[in-house]
Amino acid sequence: MADAKTTPGRADVLTTLFGTCVDDIANSCSFQDYAALFAELVDQKNASLRDELFHCYAQTVQELRANAKQEFDVLCNAYGVREKLANVDALCREHGITDADINAASKPEGTLADGEMPLAAARAQRIAAKEAEKKVLLEMLEQSQAMRAEKQALVDERRALVNESVKHCAPADAVLEGVHEASTRWINA
């Protein structure tokens, strides 16, 4: 039997599932159910025969259960099932496929389309998210450009007001320049 470290995930799940199936099949008949099948063996003399038959039945079922599990292990080893499932697990880890991806594929409302691989579904989801992000960013860009245009219009308006004020101040500046020159000559004289 393979070492537990070399039989991860899917191999363990398969072994557990097979064991559960064998146990469910083997436990399908209780003593009361078995006794009901032999209702004619109810007197004291035949009751012991019925009990012996059930004991043989239970022992046979137990041996069948053990033999089925051994045969399962033999077949898994003969066909390399555990190694193949370990390779599948390794490939899934390598490609980032998780149990959640696999479970989504098994659900009727799953995110995977028919024939679509989990990796392709994840890529499609990332593309859709990027498209949505692009749309939001374009809206933000448009808003930013509109705000910039409004601010530029305000700056241009104020620049025009400043230029207009400068035009009105130019004659006064010329007069003041003359006063300044006269004052400077008077002081230096």
N, C-alpha and C. Protein backbone atom coordinates (compact mmCIF):
# COMPACT_ATOMS: atom_id res chain seq x y z
N MET A 1 0.85 -1.19 0.00
CA MET A 1 0.00 0.00 0.00
C MET A 1 0.88 1.23 0.00
N ALA A 2 0.47 2.26 -0.68
CA ALA A 2 1.28 3.46 -0.82
C ALA A 2 1.30 4.24 0.48
N ASP A 3 2.36 4.97 0.68
CA ASP A 3 2.54 5.82 1.86
C ASP A 3 1.52 6.95 1.84
N ALA A 4 1.05 7.35 3.01
CA ALA A 4 0.02 8.41 3.09
C ALA A 4 0.50 9.71 2.50
N LYS A 5 1.82 9.95 2.54
CA LYS A 5 2.35 11.20 2.00
C LYS A 5 2.31 11.20 0.47
N THR A 6 2.33 10.01 -0.16
CA THR A 6 2.29 9.95 -1.62
C THR A 6 0.86 9.78 -2.14
N THR A 7 -0.12 9.67 -1.25
CA THR A 7 -1.51 9.52 -1.68
C THR A 7 -2.35 10.65 -1.11
N PRO A 8 -2.14 11.85 -1.62
CA PRO A 8 -2.90 12.99 -1.10
C PRO A 8 -4.31 13.06 -1.67
N GLY A 9 -5.07 13.93 -1.16
CA GLY A 9 -6.36 14.38 -1.66
C GLY A 9 -7.27 13.36 -2.30
N ARG A 10 -7.27 13.32 -3.60
CA ARG A 10 -8.24 12.54 -4.36
C ARG A 10 -8.14 11.04 -4.07
N ALA A 11 -6.93 10.52 -3.88
CA ALA A 11 -6.77 9.10 -3.58
C ALA A 11 -7.39 8.77 -2.23
N ASP A 12 -7.16 9.62 -1.26
CA ASP A 12 -7.77 9.41 0.07
C ASP A 12 -9.29 9.49 -0.02
N VAL A 13 -9.78 10.46 -0.76
CA VAL A 13 -11.23 10.62 -0.91
C VAL A 13 -11.82 9.39 -1.59
N LEU A 14 -11.16 8.89 -2.63
CA LEU A 14 -11.65 7.71 -3.34
C LEU A 14 -11.67 6.49 -2.42
N THR A 15 -10.61 6.29 -1.64
CA THR A 15 -10.55 5.17 -0.71
C THR A 15 -11.65 5.26 0.34
N THR A 16 -11.84 6.45 0.88
CA THR A 16 -12.88 6.65 1.89
C THR A 16 -14.26 6.40 1.29
N LEU A 17 -14.49 6.91 0.08
CA LEU A 17 -15.78 6.71 -0.58
C LEU A 17 -16.05 5.24 -0.83
N PHE A 18 -15.04 4.51 -1.31
CA PHE A 18 -15.23 3.08 -1.55
C PHE A 18 -15.55 2.35 -0.25
N GLY A 19 -14.81 2.67 0.81
CA GLY A 19 -15.06 2.05 2.12
C GLY A 19 -16.47 2.33 2.60
N THR A 20 -16.93 3.56 2.42
CA THR A 20 -18.28 3.93 2.84
C THR A 20 -19.33 3.16 2.04
N CYS A 21 -19.10 3.03 0.74
CA CYS A 21 -20.04 2.28 -0.11
C CYS A 21 -20.11 0.82 0.32
N VAL A 22 -18.96 0.20 0.56
CA VAL A 22 -18.93 -1.20 0.99
C VAL A 22 -19.64 -1.35 2.34
N ASP A 23 -19.36 -0.43 3.25
CA ASP A 23 -20.01 -0.48 4.56
C ASP A 23 -21.52 -0.32 4.44
N ASP A 24 -21.97 0.60 3.60
CA ASP A 24 -23.40 0.81 3.41
C ASP A 24 -24.08 -0.43 2.83
N ILE A 25 -23.43 -1.06 1.87
CA ILE A 25 -23.99 -2.27 1.27
C ILE A 25 -24.03 -3.40 2.29
N ALA A 26 -22.94 -3.55 3.04
CA ALA A 26 -22.84 -4.65 4.00
C ALA A 26 -23.78 -4.46 5.19
N ASN A 27 -24.10 -3.24 5.54
CA ASN A 27 -24.96 -2.98 6.70
C ASN A 27 -26.43 -2.86 6.32
N SER A 28 -26.79 -3.33 5.16
CA SER A 28 -28.15 -3.12 4.69
C SER A 28 -29.18 -4.03 5.36
N CYS A 29 -28.75 -5.05 6.09
CA CYS A 29 -29.71 -5.99 6.68
C CYS A 29 -29.43 -6.16 8.17
N SER A 30 -30.37 -5.75 9.00
CA SER A 30 -30.24 -5.93 10.45
C SER A 30 -30.75 -7.32 10.84
N PHE A 31 -30.55 -7.69 12.10
CA PHE A 31 -31.03 -9.00 12.56
C PHE A 31 -32.54 -9.10 12.44
N GLN A 32 -33.25 -8.01 12.76
CA GLN A 32 -34.70 -8.04 12.67
C GLN A 32 -35.15 -8.24 11.22
N ASP A 33 -34.48 -7.56 10.29
CA ASP A 33 -34.81 -7.74 8.87
C ASP A 33 -34.54 -9.17 8.43
N TYR A 34 -33.42 -9.70 8.89
CA TYR A 34 -33.04 -11.07 8.54
C TYR A 34 -34.04 -12.06 9.14
N ALA A 35 -34.40 -11.86 10.40
CA ALA A 35 -35.36 -12.75 11.06
C ALA A 35 -36.71 -12.71 10.36
N ALA A 36 -37.10 -11.56 9.86
CA ALA A 36 -38.37 -11.44 9.15
C ALA A 36 -38.37 -12.27 7.87
N LEU A 37 -37.21 -12.46 7.26
CA LEU A 37 -37.11 -13.29 6.06
C LEU A 37 -37.38 -14.76 6.38
N PHE A 38 -37.12 -15.14 7.63
CA PHE A 38 -37.31 -16.53 8.06
C PHE A 38 -38.38 -16.59 9.15
N ALA A 39 -39.51 -16.02 8.86
CA ALA A 39 -40.60 -15.95 9.83
C ALA A 39 -41.09 -17.33 10.25
N GLU A 40 -40.95 -18.32 9.38
CA GLU A 40 -41.41 -19.67 9.71
C GLU A 40 -40.51 -20.34 10.74
N LEU A 41 -39.33 -19.78 10.99
CA LEU A 41 -38.41 -20.36 11.97
C LEU A 41 -38.53 -19.64 13.31
N VAL A 42 -39.74 -19.57 13.84
CA VAL A 42 -39.95 -18.80 15.06
C VAL A 42 -40.03 -19.66 16.31
N ASP A 43 -40.26 -20.95 16.16
CA ASP A 43 -40.33 -21.76 17.38
C ASP A 43 -38.93 -21.90 17.99
N GLN A 44 -38.88 -22.37 19.22
CA GLN A 44 -37.64 -22.43 19.99
C GLN A 44 -36.59 -23.28 19.28
N LYS A 45 -37.00 -24.40 18.70
CA LYS A 45 -36.06 -25.31 18.04
C LYS A 45 -35.42 -24.64 16.83
N ASN A 46 -36.23 -23.97 16.03
CA ASN A 46 -35.74 -23.34 14.80
C ASN A 46 -35.11 -21.97 15.05
N ALA A 47 -35.38 -21.36 16.18
CA ALA A 47 -34.81 -20.04 16.49
C ALA A 47 -33.29 -20.13 16.57
N SER A 48 -32.77 -21.20 17.15
CA SER A 48 -31.31 -21.34 17.23
C SER A 48 -30.73 -21.51 15.83
N LEU A 49 -31.45 -22.22 14.96
CA LEU A 49 -31.00 -22.37 13.57
C LEU A 49 -30.97 -21.02 12.87
N ARG A 50 -32.03 -20.25 13.10
CA ARG A 50 -32.09 -18.89 12.53
C ARG A 50 -30.93 -18.05 13.04
N ASP A 51 -30.63 -18.12 14.33
CA ASP A 51 -29.52 -17.36 14.90
C ASP A 51 -28.19 -17.79 14.30
N GLU A 52 -28.02 -19.10 14.12
CA GLU A 52 -26.77 -19.60 13.50
C GLU A 52 -26.66 -19.12 12.06
N LEU A 53 -27.79 -19.14 11.34
CA LEU A 53 -27.77 -18.65 9.95
C LEU A 53 -27.41 -17.17 9.90
N PHE A 54 -27.97 -16.38 10.83
CA PHE A 54 -27.63 -14.96 10.85
C PHE A 54 -26.16 -14.76 11.20
N HIS A 55 -25.65 -15.57 12.14
CA HIS A 55 -24.23 -15.47 12.50
C HIS A 55 -23.35 -15.77 11.28
N CYS A 56 -23.71 -16.82 10.52
CA CYS A 56 -22.96 -17.13 9.28
C CYS A 56 -23.08 -16.00 8.27
N TYR A 57 -24.31 -15.46 8.16
CA TYR A 57 -24.53 -14.33 7.25
C TYR A 57 -23.66 -13.14 7.64
N ALA A 58 -23.66 -12.79 8.92
CA ALA A 58 -22.88 -11.64 9.40
C ALA A 58 -21.39 -11.87 9.18
N GLN A 59 -20.93 -13.12 9.42
CA GLN A 59 -19.51 -13.43 9.21
C GLN A 59 -19.17 -13.33 7.72
N THR A 60 -20.05 -13.81 6.87
CA THR A 60 -19.83 -13.74 5.42
C THR A 60 -19.77 -12.29 4.96
N VAL A 61 -20.69 -11.47 5.47
CA VAL A 61 -20.70 -10.05 5.11
C VAL A 61 -19.41 -9.38 5.56
N GLN A 62 -18.95 -9.71 6.77
CA GLN A 62 -17.71 -9.12 7.29
C GLN A 62 -16.52 -9.51 6.41
N GLU A 63 -16.47 -10.78 6.01
CA GLU A 63 -15.37 -11.24 5.15
C GLU A 63 -15.46 -10.59 3.76
N LEU A 64 -16.69 -10.46 3.25
CA LEU A 64 -16.86 -9.78 1.96
C LEU A 64 -16.39 -8.34 2.03
N ARG A 65 -16.71 -7.68 3.13
CA ARG A 65 -16.29 -6.29 3.33
C ARG A 65 -14.76 -6.21 3.34
N ALA A 66 -14.12 -7.06 4.10
CA ALA A 66 -12.65 -7.05 4.19
C ALA A 66 -12.04 -7.40 2.84
N ASN A 67 -12.61 -8.42 2.17
CA ASN A 67 -12.07 -8.83 0.86
C ASN A 67 -12.26 -7.73 -0.18
N ALA A 68 -13.40 -7.04 -0.13
CA ALA A 68 -13.65 -5.97 -1.10
C ALA A 68 -12.64 -4.85 -0.92
N LYS A 69 -12.36 -4.49 0.33
CA LYS A 69 -11.39 -3.42 0.58
C LYS A 69 -9.98 -3.84 0.17
N GLN A 70 -9.63 -5.13 0.43
CA GLN A 70 -8.32 -5.61 0.00
C GLN A 70 -8.23 -5.63 -1.52
N GLU A 71 -9.28 -6.11 -2.17
CA GLU A 71 -9.30 -6.16 -3.64
C GLU A 71 -9.21 -4.75 -4.22
N PHE A 72 -9.87 -3.80 -3.59
CA PHE A 72 -9.79 -2.41 -4.03
C PHE A 72 -8.34 -1.92 -3.95
N ASP A 73 -7.67 -2.19 -2.85
CA ASP A 73 -6.27 -1.79 -2.70
C ASP A 73 -5.39 -2.46 -3.75
N VAL A 74 -5.63 -3.75 -4.01
CA VAL A 74 -4.85 -4.48 -5.01
C VAL A 74 -5.05 -3.85 -6.39
N LEU A 75 -6.30 -3.57 -6.75
CA LEU A 75 -6.58 -2.97 -8.06
C LEU A 75 -6.00 -1.56 -8.17
N CYS A 76 -6.10 -0.78 -7.09
CA CYS A 76 -5.51 0.57 -7.11
C CYS A 76 -4.01 0.50 -7.34
N ASN A 77 -3.37 -0.45 -6.67
CA ASN A 77 -1.92 -0.61 -6.85
C ASN A 77 -1.59 -1.13 -8.25
N ALA A 78 -2.37 -2.09 -8.73
CA ALA A 78 -2.10 -2.68 -10.05
C ALA A 78 -2.23 -1.65 -11.17
N TYR A 79 -3.19 -0.77 -11.06
CA TYR A 79 -3.42 0.22 -12.11
C TYR A 79 -2.78 1.58 -11.80
N GLY A 80 -2.10 1.68 -10.68
CA GLY A 80 -1.42 2.94 -10.33
C GLY A 80 -2.38 4.09 -10.08
N VAL A 81 -3.56 3.77 -9.56
CA VAL A 81 -4.59 4.79 -9.35
C VAL A 81 -4.11 5.88 -8.41
N ARG A 82 -3.50 5.50 -7.30
CA ARG A 82 -3.06 6.51 -6.32
C ARG A 82 -2.02 7.46 -6.93
N GLU A 83 -1.09 6.91 -7.68
CA GLU A 83 -0.07 7.75 -8.31
C GLU A 83 -0.69 8.69 -9.34
N LYS A 84 -1.65 8.16 -10.11
CA LYS A 84 -2.30 9.00 -11.11
C LYS A 84 -3.11 10.12 -10.45
N LEU A 85 -3.80 9.78 -9.37
CA LEU A 85 -4.56 10.81 -8.66
C LEU A 85 -3.63 11.82 -7.99
N ALA A 86 -2.47 11.35 -7.52
CA ALA A 86 -1.48 12.28 -6.95
C ALA A 86 -0.98 13.23 -8.04
N ASN A 87 -0.80 12.72 -9.26
CA ASN A 87 -0.39 13.59 -10.38
C ASN A 87 -1.47 14.60 -10.71
N VAL A 88 -2.73 14.18 -10.67
CA VAL A 88 -3.84 15.11 -10.91
C VAL A 88 -3.84 16.20 -9.84
N ASP A 89 -3.65 15.80 -8.57
CA ASP A 89 -3.58 16.79 -7.49
C ASP A 89 -2.44 17.77 -7.72
N ALA A 90 -1.28 17.26 -8.12
CA ALA A 90 -0.12 18.13 -8.35
C ALA A 90 -0.39 19.09 -9.50
N LEU A 91 -0.99 18.61 -10.58
CA LEU A 91 -1.31 19.48 -11.72
C LEU A 91 -2.33 20.55 -11.32
N CYS A 92 -3.30 20.16 -10.51
CA CYS A 92 -4.29 21.14 -10.05
C CYS A 92 -3.62 22.23 -9.22
N ARG A 93 -2.73 21.82 -8.32
CA ARG A 93 -2.02 22.82 -7.51
C ARG A 93 -1.16 23.71 -8.41
N GLU A 94 -0.50 23.10 -9.39
CA GLU A 94 0.38 23.85 -10.30
C GLU A 94 -0.39 24.90 -11.10
N HIS A 95 -1.62 24.56 -11.49
CA HIS A 95 -2.42 25.47 -12.31
C HIS A 95 -3.40 26.30 -11.49
N GLY A 96 -3.32 26.18 -10.18
CA GLY A 96 -4.16 27.00 -9.32
C GLY A 96 -5.62 26.59 -9.29
N ILE A 97 -5.91 25.35 -9.62
CA ILE A 97 -7.28 24.86 -9.59
C ILE A 97 -7.56 24.36 -8.19
N THR A 98 -8.59 24.90 -7.58
CA THR A 98 -8.91 24.54 -6.20
C THR A 98 -10.14 23.65 -6.15
N ASP A 99 -10.40 23.11 -4.97
CA ASP A 99 -11.62 22.32 -4.80
C ASP A 99 -12.86 23.17 -5.04
N ALA A 100 -12.76 24.46 -4.74
CA ALA A 100 -13.90 25.35 -4.98
C ALA A 100 -14.22 25.42 -6.48
N ASP A 101 -13.18 25.43 -7.34
CA ASP A 101 -13.40 25.43 -8.79
C ASP A 101 -14.10 24.14 -9.21
N ILE A 102 -13.64 23.03 -8.66
CA ILE A 102 -14.20 21.74 -9.02
C ILE A 102 -15.63 21.64 -8.52
N ASN A 103 -15.88 22.10 -7.29
CA ASN A 103 -17.24 22.06 -6.74
C ASN A 103 -18.18 22.95 -7.53
N ALA A 104 -17.69 24.09 -8.02
CA ALA A 104 -18.53 24.98 -8.82
C ALA A 104 -18.98 24.29 -10.09
N ALA A 105 -18.12 23.43 -10.65
CA ALA A 105 -18.47 22.72 -11.88
C ALA A 105 -19.54 21.67 -11.62
N SER A 106 -19.60 21.15 -10.41
CA SER A 106 -20.56 20.09 -10.12
C SER A 106 -21.92 20.63 -9.72
N LYS A 107 -22.02 21.90 -9.40
CA LYS A 107 -23.30 22.49 -9.01
C LYS A 107 -24.09 22.85 -10.26
N PRO A 108 -25.41 22.67 -10.21
CA PRO A 108 -26.21 23.05 -11.38
C PRO A 108 -26.13 24.54 -11.67
N GLU A 109 -25.99 25.36 -10.62
CA GLU A 109 -25.89 26.80 -10.83
C GLU A 109 -24.43 27.24 -10.84
N GLY A 110 -23.50 26.30 -11.12
CA GLY A 110 -22.07 26.58 -11.09
C GLY A 110 -21.67 27.65 -12.09
N THR A 111 -20.47 28.16 -11.94
CA THR A 111 -20.00 29.25 -12.77
C THR A 111 -19.38 28.76 -14.07
N LEU A 112 -19.20 27.46 -14.22
CA LEU A 112 -18.54 26.94 -15.41
C LEU A 112 -19.55 26.60 -16.50
N ALA A 113 -19.22 26.96 -17.70
CA ALA A 113 -20.03 26.58 -18.84
C ALA A 113 -19.68 25.15 -19.23
N ASP A 114 -20.52 24.51 -20.04
CA ASP A 114 -20.23 23.15 -20.46
C ASP A 114 -18.89 23.09 -21.16
N GLY A 115 -18.05 22.18 -20.73
CA GLY A 115 -16.75 21.99 -21.34
C GLY A 115 -15.70 23.01 -20.94
N GLU A 116 -16.06 23.96 -20.11
CA GLU A 116 -15.11 25.00 -19.71
C GLU A 116 -14.26 24.50 -18.55
N MET A 117 -12.98 24.75 -18.63
CA MET A 117 -12.06 24.34 -17.57
C MET A 117 -12.09 25.39 -16.46
N PRO A 118 -11.84 24.97 -15.21
CA PRO A 118 -11.84 25.93 -14.10
C PRO A 118 -10.88 27.09 -14.31
N LEU A 119 -9.72 26.81 -14.91
CA LEU A 119 -8.74 27.87 -15.16
C LEU A 119 -9.31 28.89 -16.14
N ALA A 120 -10.01 28.41 -17.17
CA ALA A 120 -10.61 29.32 -18.16
C ALA A 120 -11.73 30.13 -17.50
N ALA A 121 -12.48 29.51 -16.62
CA ALA A 121 -13.54 30.24 -15.91
C ALA A 121 -12.95 31.32 -15.03
N ALA A 122 -11.87 31.00 -14.35
CA ALA A 122 -11.21 32.00 -13.50
C ALA A 122 -10.68 33.15 -14.35
N ARG A 123 -10.11 32.82 -15.51
CA ARG A 123 -9.59 33.85 -16.41
C ARG A 123 -10.74 34.74 -16.91
N ALA A 124 -11.86 34.11 -17.25
CA ALA A 124 -13.02 34.88 -17.71
C ALA A 124 -13.54 35.80 -16.61
N GLN A 125 -13.53 35.32 -15.38
CA GLN A 125 -13.96 36.17 -14.26
C GLN A 125 -13.01 37.34 -14.07
N ARG A 126 -11.71 37.08 -14.20
CA ARG A 126 -10.73 38.18 -14.06
C ARG A 126 -10.91 39.20 -15.18
N ILE A 127 -11.16 38.74 -16.39
CA ILE A 127 -11.37 39.65 -17.52
C ILE A 127 -12.62 40.49 -17.28
N ALA A 128 -13.70 39.86 -16.83
CA ALA A 128 -14.93 40.61 -16.54
C ALA A 128 -14.69 41.65 -15.45
N ALA A 129 -13.92 41.28 -14.44
CA ALA A 129 -13.61 42.24 -13.36
C ALA A 129 -12.78 43.40 -13.89
N LYS A 130 -11.82 43.11 -14.76
CA LYS A 130 -10.99 44.18 -15.34
C LYS A 130 -11.83 45.09 -16.23
N GLU A 131 -12.77 44.52 -16.98
CA GLU A 131 -13.65 45.33 -17.83
C GLU A 131 -14.50 46.26 -16.96
N ALA A 132 -15.02 45.73 -15.87
CA ALA A 132 -15.82 46.57 -14.95
C ALA A 132 -14.96 47.67 -14.35
N GLU A 133 -13.72 47.31 -13.98
CA GLU A 133 -12.80 48.31 -13.43
C GLU A 133 -12.47 49.37 -14.48
N LYS A 134 -12.29 48.96 -15.72
CA LYS A 134 -12.00 49.89 -16.81
C LYS A 134 -13.16 50.87 -16.99
N LYS A 135 -14.38 50.36 -16.93
CA LYS A 135 -15.55 51.22 -17.08
C LYS A 135 -15.59 52.26 -15.96
N VAL A 136 -15.34 51.84 -14.73
CA VAL A 136 -15.34 52.77 -13.59
C VAL A 136 -14.24 53.80 -13.76
N LEU A 137 -13.06 53.37 -14.18
CA LEU A 137 -11.94 54.30 -14.36
C LEU A 137 -12.22 55.31 -15.48
N LEU A 138 -12.87 54.86 -16.56
CA LEU A 138 -13.21 55.79 -17.64
C LEU A 138 -14.21 56.84 -17.16
N GLU A 139 -15.17 56.42 -16.34
CA GLU A 139 -16.13 57.38 -15.78
C GLU A 139 -15.41 58.39 -14.89
N MET A 140 -14.47 57.90 -14.09
CA MET A 140 -13.70 58.80 -13.22
C MET A 140 -12.87 59.77 -14.06
N LEU A 141 -12.29 59.28 -15.18
CA LEU A 141 -11.50 60.13 -16.07
C LEU A 141 -12.38 61.23 -16.67
N GLU A 142 -13.56 60.86 -17.13
CA GLU A 142 -14.47 61.85 -17.70
C GLU A 142 -14.84 62.91 -16.67
N GLN A 143 -15.12 62.50 -15.45
CA GLN A 143 -15.45 63.46 -14.39
C GLN A 143 -14.26 64.36 -14.11
N SER A 144 -13.07 63.78 -14.07
CA SER A 144 -11.86 64.56 -13.80
C SER A 144 -11.61 65.57 -14.92
N GLN A 145 -11.79 65.15 -16.17
CA GLN A 145 -11.59 66.06 -17.29
C GLN A 145 -12.62 67.18 -17.27
N ALA A 146 -13.85 66.88 -16.90
CA ALA A 146 -14.89 67.91 -16.82
C ALA A 146 -14.54 68.92 -15.73
N MET A 147 -14.09 68.42 -14.57
CA MET A 147 -13.69 69.32 -13.48
C MET A 147 -12.49 70.17 -13.90
N ARG A 148 -11.55 69.57 -14.63
CA ARG A 148 -10.38 70.32 -15.08
C ARG A 148 -10.79 71.41 -16.06
N ALA A 149 -11.71 71.09 -16.96
CA ALA A 149 -12.19 72.09 -17.93
C ALA A 149 -12.88 73.24 -17.21
N GLU A 150 -13.68 72.93 -16.17
CA GLU A 150 -14.34 73.99 -15.39
C GLU A 150 -13.30 74.88 -14.70
N LYS A 151 -12.30 74.26 -14.11
CA LYS A 151 -11.26 75.04 -13.42
C LYS A 151 -10.45 75.87 -14.40
N GLN A 152 -10.17 75.31 -15.57
CA GLN A 152 -9.42 76.06 -16.59
C GLN A 152 -10.24 77.25 -17.06
N ALA A 153 -11.55 77.09 -17.22
CA ALA A 153 -12.42 78.20 -17.62
C ALA A 153 -12.41 79.28 -16.54
N LEU A 154 -12.43 78.89 -15.28
CA LEU A 154 -12.37 79.84 -14.18
C LEU A 154 -11.03 80.59 -14.17
N VAL A 155 -9.93 79.85 -14.40
CA VAL A 155 -8.60 80.49 -14.47
C VAL A 155 -8.55 81.47 -15.63
N ASP A 156 -9.06 81.07 -16.79
CA ASP A 156 -9.05 81.96 -17.96
C ASP A 156 -9.88 83.22 -17.70
N GLU A 157 -11.01 83.04 -17.03
CA GLU A 157 -11.87 84.19 -16.71
C GLU A 157 -11.14 85.15 -15.77
N ARG A 158 -10.49 84.60 -14.77
CA ARG A 158 -9.78 85.46 -13.81
C ARG A 158 -8.55 86.11 -14.46
N ARG A 159 -7.91 85.40 -15.36
CA ARG A 159 -6.77 85.98 -16.09
C ARG A 159 -7.24 87.17 -16.92
N ALA A 160 -8.39 87.03 -17.56
CA ALA A 160 -8.94 88.13 -18.35
C ALA A 160 -9.26 89.33 -17.45
N LEU A 161 -9.79 89.07 -16.27
CA LEU A 161 -10.06 90.16 -15.32
C LEU A 161 -8.78 90.85 -14.89
N VAL A 162 -7.73 90.07 -14.64
CA VAL A 162 -6.44 90.66 -14.24
C VAL A 162 -5.89 91.50 -15.38
N ASN A 163 -5.95 90.98 -16.61
CA ASN A 163 -5.46 91.75 -17.76
C ASN A 163 -6.25 93.05 -17.94
N GLU A 164 -7.54 92.96 -17.72
CA GLU A 164 -8.37 94.16 -17.82
C GLU A 164 -7.98 95.17 -16.74
N SER A 165 -7.72 94.68 -15.55
CA SER A 165 -7.29 95.57 -14.45
C SER A 165 -5.95 96.21 -14.77
N VAL A 166 -5.05 95.43 -15.38
CA VAL A 166 -3.73 95.97 -15.75
C VAL A 166 -3.90 97.08 -16.78
N LYS A 167 -4.82 96.91 -17.72
CA LYS A 167 -5.04 97.95 -18.73
C LYS A 167 -5.52 99.24 -18.07
N HIS A 168 -6.38 99.10 -17.08
CA HIS A 168 -6.87 100.30 -16.38
C HIS A 168 -5.78 100.93 -15.53
N CYS A 169 -4.85 100.13 -15.07
CA CYS A 169 -3.78 100.66 -14.21
C CYS A 169 -2.63 101.25 -15.03
N ALA A 170 -2.51 100.94 -16.29
CA ALA A 170 -1.39 101.41 -17.11
C ALA A 170 -1.32 102.94 -17.17
N PRO A 171 -2.41 103.68 -17.41
CA PRO A 171 -2.30 105.14 -17.41
C PRO A 171 -1.88 105.68 -16.04
N ALA A 172 -2.42 105.08 -14.98
CA ALA A 172 -2.04 105.54 -13.64
C ALA A 172 -0.58 105.23 -13.39
N ASP A 173 -0.11 104.14 -13.89
CA ASP A 173 1.29 103.75 -13.72
C ASP A 173 2.20 104.75 -14.43
N ALA A 174 1.79 105.19 -15.62
CA ALA A 174 2.59 106.18 -16.35
C ALA A 174 2.64 107.50 -15.58
N VAL A 175 1.53 107.90 -15.00
CA VAL A 175 1.49 109.14 -14.22
C VAL A 175 2.37 108.99 -13.00
N LEU A 176 2.26 107.86 -12.32
CA LEU A 176 3.06 107.64 -11.12
C LEU A 176 4.54 107.54 -11.45
N GLU A 177 4.86 107.04 -12.61
CA GLU A 177 6.28 106.98 -13.02
C GLU A 177 6.83 108.40 -13.15
N GLY A 178 6.04 109.28 -13.72
CA GLY A 178 6.47 110.68 -13.84
C GLY A 178 6.64 111.32 -12.47
N VAL A 179 5.74 111.06 -11.54
CA VAL A 179 5.83 111.59 -10.18
C VAL A 179 7.08 111.04 -9.52
N HIS A 180 7.35 109.78 -9.71
CA HIS A 180 8.53 109.14 -9.11
C HIS A 180 9.81 109.79 -9.63
N GLU A 181 9.88 110.00 -10.92
CA GLU A 181 11.08 110.64 -11.50
C GLU A 181 11.25 112.06 -10.96
N ALA A 182 10.17 112.81 -10.86
CA ALA A 182 10.23 114.18 -10.35
C ALA A 182 10.68 114.19 -8.91
N SER A 183 10.16 113.23 -8.12
CA SER A 183 10.55 113.14 -6.70
C SER A 183 12.02 112.79 -6.58
N THR A 184 12.48 111.89 -7.41
CA THR A 184 13.88 111.48 -7.36
C THR A 184 14.78 112.65 -7.71
N ARG A 185 14.43 113.45 -8.74
CA ARG A 185 15.24 114.62 -9.10
C ARG A 185 15.21 115.64 -7.98
N TRP A 186 14.10 115.87 -7.38
CA TRP A 186 13.98 116.85 -6.30
C TRP A 186 14.84 116.45 -5.12
N ILE A 187 14.86 115.14 -4.78
CA ILE A 187 15.67 114.67 -3.66
C ILE A 187 17.14 114.80 -4.00
N ASN A 188 17.53 114.52 -5.20
CA ASN A 188 18.94 114.55 -5.60
C ASN A 188 19.42 115.98 -5.88
N ALA A 189 18.56 116.91 -5.98
CA ALA A 189 18.97 118.26 -6.30
C ALA A 189 19.49 119.04 -5.17
